[in-house]
């Protein structure tokens, strides 16, 4: 029988990941913050537990959610854009003692390529590129990465995903009709939900731990061109861009991920 996996954070990505893992024969436990989602987890053969994190602590059945599991997928969005004052580091610090006291041997931490700054000239960004020293959000993400990487009680692999999208969720819908959107000539860095799930499953299957990967599709079209074309194709109101300032951006390089995991992206832009 395959190993048991715990997923803390069964939201848009985590829930779909849990369903996919169950179909592949894994036993999966998952956390959510609502009773309604517990029913959805159980109906998909996922052991569901109510777990809620805050900077003050954790409430719910986190011990049961981790019990007897070998691998933990930690997929807690920082929520720093909606709530810039949120203390993501404290939230994640509260999890550590529970993981240390559990049977968890491996942690896959979902992070973000927003740890890297946008720049004029659009540099190519690899895992060895410098991370931001000015963005508080980026520094919180990096502090959390270090918390888990430096913990000797388990092995940690970090996956820094670019902007997530899926068939039911596309950033073009958010940008539709908006005015004065900055950085129109910046390259796009996106990754489809299907690839996110496949990459996580590949890391687990191949036992690739104590590593860090950037994860973004290999094509990086111009922001203005790409989103305008998507909005046209979906009959959405076109976005308007601010061309008065030089665009800043970056190109996320996923060459290492493709090489180490022997992975080929399934969804192109």
C-alpha atoms as a PDB file:
ATOM      1  CA  UNK A   1       0.000   0.000   0.000  1.00  0.00           C
ATOM      2  CA  UNK A   2       1.221   3.508  -0.833  1.00  0.00           C
ATOM      3  CA  UNK A   3       2.188   5.982   1.873  1.00  0.00           C
ATOM      4  CA  UNK A   4      -0.261   8.226   3.698  1.00  0.00           C
ATOM      5  CA  UNK A   5      -0.134  11.895   2.793  1.00  0.00           C
ATOM      6  CA  UNK A   6      -1.428  14.869   4.736  1.00  0.00           C
ATOM      7  CA  UNK A   7      -2.387  18.085   2.952  1.00  0.00           C
ATOM      8  CA  UNK A   8      -2.716  21.133   5.186  1.00  0.00           C
ATOM      9  CA  UNK A   9      -4.755  23.559   3.115  1.00  0.00           C
ATOM     10  CA  UNK A  10      -7.324  21.921   0.830  1.00  0.00           C
ATOM     11  CA  UNK A  11      -8.280  25.029  -1.078  1.00  0.00           C
ATOM     12  CA  UNK A  12      -8.379  25.491  -4.842  1.00  0.00           C
ATOM     13  CA  UNK A  13      -5.087  23.664  -5.402  1.00  0.00           C
ATOM     14  CA  UNK A  14      -4.955  21.396  -2.354  1.00  0.00           C
ATOM     15  CA  UNK A  15      -8.421  19.886  -2.838  1.00  0.00           C
ATOM     16  CA  UNK A  16      -7.745  18.986  -6.471  1.00  0.00           C
ATOM     17  CA  UNK A  17      -4.339  17.577  -5.478  1.00  0.00           C
ATOM     18  CA  UNK A  18      -5.956  15.423  -2.792  1.00  0.00           C
ATOM     19  CA  UNK A  19      -8.504  14.021  -5.260  1.00  0.00           C
ATOM     20  CA  UNK A  20      -5.736  13.209  -7.758  1.00  0.00           C
ATOM     21  CA  UNK A  21      -3.593  11.482  -5.111  1.00  0.00           C
ATOM     22  CA  UNK A  22      -6.535   9.327  -3.960  1.00  0.00           C
ATOM     23  CA  UNK A  23      -7.114   8.230  -7.553  1.00  0.00           C
ATOM     24  CA  UNK A  24      -3.465   7.155  -7.698  1.00  0.00           C
ATOM     25  CA  UNK A  25      -3.861   4.921  -4.669  1.00  0.00           C
ATOM     26  CA  UNK A  26      -2.577   7.130  -1.852  1.00  0.00           C
ATOM     27  CA  UNK A  27      -4.347   7.455   1.480  1.00  0.00           C
ATOM     28  CA  UNK A  28      -4.927  11.172   1.957  1.00  0.00           C
ATOM     29  CA  UNK A  29      -5.853  13.343   4.900  1.00  0.00           C
ATOM     30  CA  UNK A  30      -6.732  16.979   4.334  1.00  0.00           C
ATOM     31  CA  UNK A  31      -7.511  20.091   6.329  1.00  0.00           C
ATOM     32  CA  UNK A  32     -10.080  22.771   5.702  1.00  0.00           C
ATOM     33  CA  UNK A  33     -11.661  25.593   7.692  1.00  0.00           C
ATOM     34  CA  UNK A  34     -15.354  24.871   6.997  1.00  0.00           C
ATOM     35  CA  UNK A  35     -17.771  22.039   7.804  1.00  0.00           C
ATOM     36  CA  UNK A  36     -19.143  22.197   4.250  1.00  0.00           C
ATOM     37  CA  UNK A  37     -15.714  21.404   2.805  1.00  0.00           C
ATOM     38  CA  UNK A  38     -15.323  18.492   5.247  1.00  0.00           C
ATOM     39  CA  UNK A  39     -18.312  16.840   3.553  1.00  0.00           C
ATOM     40  CA  UNK A  40     -16.743  17.414   0.128  1.00  0.00           C
ATOM     41  CA  UNK A  41     -13.468  15.858   1.294  1.00  0.00           C
ATOM     42  CA  UNK A  42     -15.193  12.799   2.730  1.00  0.00           C
ATOM     43  CA  UNK A  43     -17.273  12.317  -0.418  1.00  0.00           C
ATOM     44  CA  UNK A  44     -13.991  12.100  -2.368  1.00  0.00           C
ATOM     45  CA  UNK A  45     -12.481   9.494   0.015  1.00  0.00           C
ATOM     46  CA  UNK A  46     -10.277  12.055   1.758  1.00  0.00           C
ATOM     47  CA  UNK A  47     -10.099  12.073   5.561  1.00  0.00           C
ATOM     48  CA  UNK A  48     -11.105  15.627   6.365  1.00  0.00           C
ATOM     49  CA  UNK A  49     -10.230  17.638   9.472  1.00  0.00           C
ATOM     50  CA  UNK A  50     -11.064  21.150  10.603  1.00  0.00           C
ATOM     51  CA  UNK A  51      -7.834  23.096  11.108  1.00  0.00           C
ATOM     52  CA  UNK A  52      -7.491  26.877  11.260  1.00  0.00           C
ATOM     53  CA  UNK A  53      -4.287  28.876  11.510  1.00  0.00           C
ATOM     54  CA  UNK A  54      -3.762  32.406  12.744  1.00  0.00           C
ATOM     55  CA  UNK A  55      -0.874  34.398  14.148  1.00  0.00           C
ATOM     56  CA  UNK A  56      -2.233  33.538  17.613  1.00  0.00           C
ATOM     57  CA  UNK A  57      -2.138  29.768  17.116  1.00  0.00           C
ATOM     58  CA  UNK A  58      -3.895  26.729  15.671  1.00  0.00           C
ATOM     59  CA  UNK A  59      -7.386  25.431  16.376  1.00  0.00           C
ATOM     60  CA  UNK A  60      -8.753  22.087  15.274  1.00  0.00           C
ATOM     61  CA  UNK A  61      -7.562  18.516  14.801  1.00  0.00           C
ATOM     62  CA  UNK A  62      -4.085  19.080  13.395  1.00  0.00           C
ATOM     63  CA  UNK A  63      -2.628  16.129  15.342  1.00  0.00           C
ATOM     64  CA  UNK A  64      -5.154  13.738  13.769  1.00  0.00           C
ATOM     65  CA  UNK A  65      -4.586  15.279  10.334  1.00  0.00           C
ATOM     66  CA  UNK A  66      -0.860  14.482  10.599  1.00  0.00           C
ATOM     67  CA  UNK A  67      -1.103  11.151  12.423  1.00  0.00           C
ATOM     68  CA  UNK A  68       0.439   8.110  10.677  1.00  0.00           C
ATOM     69  CA  UNK A  69       1.392  10.175   7.607  1.00  0.00           C
ATOM     70  CA  UNK A  70       4.865  10.120   6.071  1.00  0.00           C
ATOM     71  CA  UNK A  71       4.587  13.157   3.784  1.00  0.00           C
ATOM     72  CA  UNK A  72       3.052  16.573   4.417  1.00  0.00           C
ATOM     73  CA  UNK A  73       2.060  18.959   1.649  1.00  0.00           C
ATOM     74  CA  UNK A  74       1.901  22.385   3.275  1.00  0.00           C
ATOM     75  CA  UNK A  75      -0.261  24.575   1.091  1.00  0.00           C
ATOM     76  CA  UNK A  76      -1.267  27.599   3.166  1.00  0.00           C
ATOM     77  CA  UNK A  77      -1.548  30.767   1.045  1.00  0.00           C
ATOM     78  CA  UNK A  78       0.009  33.679   2.952  1.00  0.00           C
ATOM     79  CA  UNK A  79      -2.847  36.023   2.020  1.00  0.00           C
ATOM     80  CA  UNK A  80      -0.449  38.960   2.200  1.00  0.00           C
ATOM     81  CA  UNK A  81      -1.957  40.824  -0.748  1.00  0.00           C
ATOM     82  CA  UNK A  82      -5.409  40.908   0.828  1.00  0.00           C
ATOM     83  CA  UNK A  83      -4.042  41.473   4.312  1.00  0.00           C
ATOM     84  CA  UNK A  84      -0.561  43.081   4.228  1.00  0.00           C
ATOM     85  CA  UNK A  85      -0.436  43.130   8.030  1.00  0.00           C
ATOM     86  CA  UNK A  86      -0.857  39.356   8.318  1.00  0.00           C
ATOM     87  CA  UNK A  87       2.000  37.576  10.089  1.00  0.00           C
ATOM     88  CA  UNK A  88       2.559  34.541   7.876  1.00  0.00           C
ATOM     89  CA  UNK A  89       5.754  33.609   9.705  1.00  0.00           C
ATOM     90  CA  UNK A  90       3.980  33.304  13.057  1.00  0.00           C
ATOM     91  CA  UNK A  91       1.227  31.202  11.488  1.00  0.00           C
ATOM     92  CA  UNK A  92       3.734  28.732  10.134  1.00  0.00           C
ATOM     93  CA  UNK A  93       5.810  28.726  13.317  1.00  0.00           C
ATOM     94  CA  UNK A  94       2.763  27.369  15.125  1.00  0.00           C
ATOM     95  CA  UNK A  95       2.705  24.334  12.800  1.00  0.00           C
ATOM     96  CA  UNK A  96       6.294  23.258  13.391  1.00  0.00           C
ATOM     97  CA  UNK A  97       5.926  21.624  16.844  1.00  0.00           C
ATOM     98  CA  UNK A  98       3.042  19.502  15.563  1.00  0.00           C
ATOM     99  CA  UNK A  99       5.034  18.344  12.540  1.00  0.00           C
ATOM    100  CA  UNK A 100       8.075  17.602  14.703  1.00  0.00           C
ATOM    101  CA  UNK A 101       5.972  15.487  17.072  1.00  0.00           C
ATOM    102  CA  UNK A 102       4.309  13.554  14.240  1.00  0.00           C
ATOM    103  CA  UNK A 103       5.385  10.712  11.944  1.00  0.00           C
ATOM    104  CA  UNK A 104       6.086  13.166   9.091  1.00  0.00           C
ATOM    105  CA  UNK A 105       9.423  12.490   7.372  1.00  0.00           C
ATOM    106  CA  UNK A 106       9.061  14.736   4.318  1.00  0.00           C
ATOM    107  CA  UNK A 107       7.504  18.166   3.827  1.00  0.00           C
ATOM    108  CA  UNK A 108       6.625  19.730   0.487  1.00  0.00           C
ATOM    109  CA  UNK A 109       6.217  23.454   1.080  1.00  0.00           C
ATOM    110  CA  UNK A 110       4.277  25.387  -1.537  1.00  0.00           C
ATOM    111  CA  UNK A 111       5.884  28.814  -1.950  1.00  0.00           C
ATOM    112  CA  UNK A 112       5.882  31.528  -4.610  1.00  0.00           C
ATOM    113  CA  UNK A 113       8.147  33.105  -7.220  1.00  0.00           C
ATOM    114  CA  UNK A 114       7.128  36.450  -5.724  1.00  0.00           C
ATOM    115  CA  UNK A 115      10.234  36.021  -3.540  1.00  0.00           C
ATOM    116  CA  UNK A 116      12.095  37.497  -6.538  1.00  0.00           C
ATOM    117  CA  UNK A 117      11.873  41.182  -7.475  1.00  0.00           C
ATOM    118  CA  UNK A 118      10.572  42.469 -10.790  1.00  0.00           C
ATOM    119  CA  UNK A 119      13.243  44.471 -12.605  1.00  0.00           C
ATOM    120  CA  UNK A 120      13.715  46.573 -15.724  1.00  0.00           C
ATOM    121  CA  UNK A 121      15.316  44.384 -18.359  1.00  0.00           C
ATOM    122  CA  UNK A 122      13.399  41.258 -17.304  1.00  0.00           C
ATOM    123  CA  UNK A 123      16.244  39.094 -15.912  1.00  0.00           C
ATOM    124  CA  UNK A 124      16.070  35.312 -16.152  1.00  0.00           C
ATOM    125  CA  UNK A 125      15.496  33.991 -12.640  1.00  0.00           C
ATOM    126  CA  UNK A 126      16.827  30.633 -11.442  1.00  0.00           C
ATOM    127  CA  UNK A 127      16.827  29.089  -7.977  1.00  0.00           C
ATOM    128  CA  UNK A 128      20.239  30.677  -7.321  1.00  0.00           C
ATOM    129  CA  UNK A 129      19.054  34.208  -8.152  1.00  0.00           C
ATOM    130  CA  UNK A 130      18.927  36.758  -5.356  1.00  0.00           C
ATOM    131  CA  UNK A 131      15.607  37.057  -3.569  1.00  0.00           C
ATOM    132  CA  UNK A 132      14.056  40.394  -2.634  1.00  0.00           C
ATOM    133  CA  UNK A 133      15.581  42.423   0.173  1.00  0.00           C
ATOM    134  CA  UNK A 134      12.928  45.171   0.017  1.00  0.00           C
ATOM    135  CA  UNK A 135       9.563  43.404  -0.207  1.00  0.00           C
ATOM    136  CA  UNK A 136       8.158  42.512   3.216  1.00  0.00           C
ATOM    137  CA  UNK A 137       5.940  39.862   1.628  1.00  0.00           C
ATOM    138  CA  UNK A 138       8.940  38.216  -0.024  1.00  0.00           C
ATOM    139  CA  UNK A 139      10.899  38.319   3.204  1.00  0.00           C
ATOM    140  CA  UNK A 140       8.072  36.601   5.084  1.00  0.00           C
ATOM    141  CA  UNK A 141       7.960  33.870   2.443  1.00  0.00           C
ATOM    142  CA  UNK A 142      11.724  33.391   2.665  1.00  0.00           C
ATOM    143  CA  UNK A 143      11.619  33.257   6.468  1.00  0.00           C
ATOM    144  CA  UNK A 144       9.034  30.487   6.296  1.00  0.00           C
ATOM    145  CA  UNK A 145      11.093  28.591   3.715  1.00  0.00           C
ATOM    146  CA  UNK A 146      14.113  28.778   6.024  1.00  0.00           C
ATOM    147  CA  UNK A 147      12.081  27.628   9.029  1.00  0.00           C
ATOM    148  CA  UNK A 148      11.343  24.348   7.292  1.00  0.00           C
ATOM    149  CA  UNK A 149      14.580  23.914   5.340  1.00  0.00           C
ATOM    150  CA  UNK A 150      16.700  24.230   8.470  1.00  0.00           C
ATOM    151  CA  UNK A 151      14.606  21.858  10.575  1.00  0.00           C
ATOM    152  CA  UNK A 152      16.508  18.607  11.160  1.00  0.00           C
ATOM    153  CA  UNK A 153      13.409  16.585  12.116  1.00  0.00           C
ATOM    154  CA  UNK A 154      12.263  16.120   8.514  1.00  0.00           C
ATOM    155  CA  UNK A 155      13.331  16.758   4.918  1.00  0.00           C
ATOM    156  CA  UNK A 156      11.833  19.703   3.049  1.00  0.00           C
ATOM    157  CA  UNK A 157      11.447  20.438  -0.638  1.00  0.00           C
ATOM    158  CA  UNK A 158      10.181  23.875  -1.651  1.00  0.00           C
ATOM    159  CA  UNK A 159       8.255  24.533  -4.848  1.00  0.00           C
ATOM    160  CA  UNK A 160       7.982  28.186  -5.821  1.00  0.00           C
ATOM    161  CA  UNK A 161       4.980  28.376  -8.122  1.00  0.00           C
ATOM    162  CA  UNK A 162       4.355  31.303 -10.444  1.00  0.00           C
ATOM    163  CA  UNK A 163       0.839  32.670 -10.884  1.00  0.00           C
ATOM    164  CA  UNK A 164      -1.640  29.802 -10.691  1.00  0.00           C
ATOM    165  CA  UNK A 165      -4.420  29.436 -13.210  1.00  0.00           C
ATOM    166  CA  UNK A 166      -6.878  26.780 -14.306  1.00  0.00           C
ATOM    167  CA  UNK A 167      -9.842  26.147 -16.529  1.00  0.00           C
ATOM    168  CA  UNK A 168     -12.113  27.679 -13.871  1.00  0.00           C
ATOM    169  CA  UNK A 169      -9.718  30.410 -12.786  1.00  0.00           C
ATOM    170  CA  UNK A 170      -7.822  32.719 -15.120  1.00  0.00           C
ATOM    171  CA  UNK A 171      -6.198  36.056 -14.216  1.00  0.00           C
ATOM    172  CA  UNK A 172      -7.563  37.581 -17.428  1.00  0.00           C
ATOM    173  CA  UNK A 173     -11.005  37.627 -15.785  1.00  0.00           C
ATOM    174  CA  UNK A 174      -9.574  39.683 -12.924  1.00  0.00           C
ATOM    175  CA  UNK A 175      -7.846  42.130 -15.295  1.00  0.00           C
ATOM    176  CA  UNK A 176     -10.818  42.443 -17.652  1.00  0.00           C
ATOM    177  CA  UNK A 177     -12.032  46.023 -17.927  1.00  0.00           C
ATOM    178  CA  UNK A 178      -9.433  47.417 -15.552  1.00  0.00           C
ATOM    179  CA  UNK A 179      -7.544  50.616 -16.351  1.00  0.00           C
ATOM    180  CA  UNK A 180      -3.924  51.755 -15.977  1.00  0.00           C
ATOM    181  CA  UNK A 181      -2.496  48.269 -15.455  1.00  0.00           C
ATOM    182  CA  UNK A 182       1.242  48.557 -14.861  1.00  0.00           C
ATOM    183  CA  UNK A 183       4.113  46.797 -16.622  1.00  0.00           C
ATOM    184  CA  UNK A 184       2.373  46.098 -19.955  1.00  0.00           C
ATOM    185  CA  UNK A 185       5.546  44.794 -21.631  1.00  0.00           C
ATOM    186  CA  UNK A 186       6.611  42.497 -18.796  1.00  0.00           C
ATOM    187  CA  UNK A 187       6.800  38.747 -19.486  1.00  0.00           C
ATOM    188  CA  UNK A 188       4.067  36.537 -18.070  1.00  0.00           C
ATOM    189  CA  UNK A 189       4.907  33.836 -15.498  1.00  0.00           C
ATOM    190  CA  UNK A 190       2.014  31.423 -15.030  1.00  0.00           C
ATOM    191  CA  UNK A 191       1.486  27.745 -14.276  1.00  0.00           C
ATOM    192  CA  UNK A 192      -1.648  25.658 -14.748  1.00  0.00           C
ATOM    193  CA  UNK A 193      -3.227  23.734 -11.878  1.00  0.00           C
ATOM    194  CA  UNK A 194      -2.695  20.502 -13.829  1.00  0.00           C
ATOM    195  CA  UNK A 195       1.075  21.082 -13.873  1.00  0.00           C
ATOM    196  CA  UNK A 196       1.142  22.093 -10.197  1.00  0.00           C
ATOM    197  CA  UNK A 197      -0.497  18.808  -9.228  1.00  0.00           C
ATOM    198  CA  UNK A 198       1.697  16.742 -11.538  1.00  0.00           C
ATOM    199  CA  UNK A 199       4.888  18.374 -10.215  1.00  0.00           C
ATOM    200  CA  UNK A 200       3.938  17.736  -6.574  1.00  0.00           C
ATOM    201  CA  UNK A 201       3.043  14.129  -7.364  1.00  0.00           C
ATOM    202  CA  UNK A 202       6.330  13.640  -9.228  1.00  0.00           C
ATOM    203  CA  UNK A 203       8.358  14.939  -6.272  1.00  0.00           C
ATOM    204  CA  UNK A 204       6.537  12.559  -3.922  1.00  0.00           C
ATOM    205  CA  UNK A 205       6.824   9.575  -6.257  1.00  0.00           C
ATOM    206  CA  UNK A 206      10.529  10.153  -6.946  1.00  0.00           C
ATOM    207  CA  UNK A 207      11.363  11.028  -3.310  1.00  0.00           C
ATOM    208  CA  UNK A 208      13.087  14.282  -4.251  1.00  0.00           C
ATOM    209  CA  UNK A 209      13.664  15.981  -0.911  1.00  0.00           C
ATOM    210  CA  UNK A 210      15.890  18.730   0.461  1.00  0.00           C
ATOM    211  CA  UNK A 211      15.658  20.758  -2.727  1.00  0.00           C
ATOM    212  CA  UNK A 212      14.119  23.964  -4.124  1.00  0.00           C
ATOM    213  CA  UNK A 213      12.399  24.400  -7.494  1.00  0.00           C
ATOM    214  CA  UNK A 214      11.001  27.288  -9.497  1.00  0.00           C
ATOM    215  CA  UNK A 215       7.861  26.222 -11.341  1.00  0.00           C
ATOM    216  CA  UNK A 216       6.526  28.225 -14.278  1.00  0.00           C
ATOM    217  CA  UNK A 217       5.548  27.339 -17.830  1.00  0.00           C
ATOM    218  CA  UNK A 218       8.413  27.732 -20.291  1.00  0.00           C
ATOM    219  CA  UNK A 219       6.641  30.328 -22.467  1.00  0.00           C
ATOM    220  CA  UNK A 220       6.542  33.939 -21.279  1.00  0.00           C
ATOM    221  CA  UNK A 221       4.423  36.113 -23.589  1.00  0.00           C
ATOM    222  CA  UNK A 222       4.118  39.857 -23.097  1.00  0.00           C
ATOM    223  CA  UNK A 223       1.567  40.818 -20.464  1.00  0.00           C
ATOM    224  CA  UNK A 224      -0.412  43.280 -22.614  1.00  0.00           C
ATOM    225  CA  UNK A 225      -0.501  41.026 -25.670  1.00  0.00           C
ATOM    226  CA  UNK A 226      -1.405  37.896 -23.736  1.00  0.00           C
ATOM    227  CA  UNK A 227      -4.208  39.251 -21.566  1.00  0.00           C
ATOM    228  CA  UNK A 228      -5.716  41.287 -24.384  1.00  0.00           C
ATOM    229  CA  UNK A 229      -5.888  38.173 -26.576  1.00  0.00           C
ATOM    230  CA  UNK A 230      -7.422  36.053 -23.780  1.00  0.00           C
ATOM    231  CA  UNK A 231     -10.075  38.693 -23.060  1.00  0.00           C
ATOM    232  CA  UNK A 232     -10.923  38.944 -26.755  1.00  0.00           C
ATOM    233  CA  UNK A 233     -11.215  35.154 -27.060  1.00  0.00           C
ATOM    234  CA  UNK A 234     -13.547  35.000 -24.039  1.00  0.00           C
ATOM    235  CA  UNK A 235     -15.586  38.069 -25.036  1.00  0.00           C
ATOM    236  CA  UNK A 236     -14.510  39.940 -21.916  1.00  0.00           C
ATOM    237  CA  UNK A 237     -14.019  43.688 -21.590  1.00  0.00           C
ATOM    238  CA  UNK A 238     -10.489  44.542 -22.668  1.00  0.00           C
ATOM    239  CA  UNK A 239      -7.982  45.722 -20.078  1.00  0.00           C
ATOM    240  CA  UNK A 240      -6.180  49.031 -20.499  1.00  0.00           C
ATOM    241  CA  UNK A 241      -2.487  49.398 -19.714  1.00  0.00           C
ATOM    242  CA  UNK A 242      -0.268  52.174 -18.420  1.00  0.00           C
ATOM    243  CA  UNK A 243       2.488  52.813 -20.973  1.00  0.00           C
ATOM    244  CA  UNK A 244       3.907  55.903 -19.291  1.00  0.00           C
ATOM    245  CA  UNK A 245       6.619  54.087 -17.323  1.00  0.00           C
ATOM    246  CA  UNK A 246       9.190  51.438 -18.137  1.00  0.00           C
ATOM    247  CA  UNK A 247       7.908  47.948 -17.497  1.00  0.00           C
ATOM    248  CA  UNK A 248       9.455  45.819 -14.777  1.00  0.00           C
ATOM    249  CA  UNK A 249       9.294  42.056 -14.676  1.00  0.00           C
ATOM    250  CA  UNK A 250      11.216  38.787 -14.714  1.00  0.00           C
ATOM    251  CA  UNK A 251      11.412  35.477 -16.540  1.00  0.00           C
ATOM    252  CA  UNK A 252      11.092  32.497 -14.201  1.00  0.00           C
ATOM    253  CA  UNK A 253      13.373  29.690 -15.368  1.00  0.00           C
ATOM    254  CA  UNK A 254      12.163  26.154 -14.580  1.00  0.00           C
ATOM    255  CA  UNK A 255      15.070  24.393 -16.270  1.00  0.00           C
ATOM    256  CA  UNK A 256      16.235  22.792 -13.019  1.00  0.00           C
ATOM    257  CA  UNK A 257      12.804  21.335 -12.291  1.00  0.00           C
ATOM    258  CA  UNK A 258      12.498  19.906 -15.806  1.00  0.00           C
ATOM    259  CA  UNK A 259      15.979  18.357 -15.573  1.00  0.00           C
ATOM    260  CA  UNK A 260      15.901  16.934 -12.052  1.00  0.00           C
ATOM    261  CA  UNK A 261      12.350  15.582 -12.248  1.00  0.00           C
ATOM    262  CA  UNK A 262      12.526  14.745 -15.970  1.00  0.00           C
ATOM    263  CA  UNK A 263       9.352  16.781 -16.227  1.00  0.00           C
ATOM    264  CA  UNK A 264       7.661  18.239 -19.292  1.00  0.00           C
ATOM    265  CA  UNK A 265       4.998  20.894 -18.779  1.00  0.00           C
ATOM    266  CA  UNK A 266       1.572  19.757 -19.899  1.00  0.00           C
ATOM    267  CA  UNK A 267      -0.149  23.118 -20.393  1.00  0.00           C
ATOM    268  CA  UNK A 268       1.439  25.838 -22.528  1.00  0.00           C
ATOM    269  CA  UNK A 269       0.486  29.514 -22.730  1.00  0.00           C
END
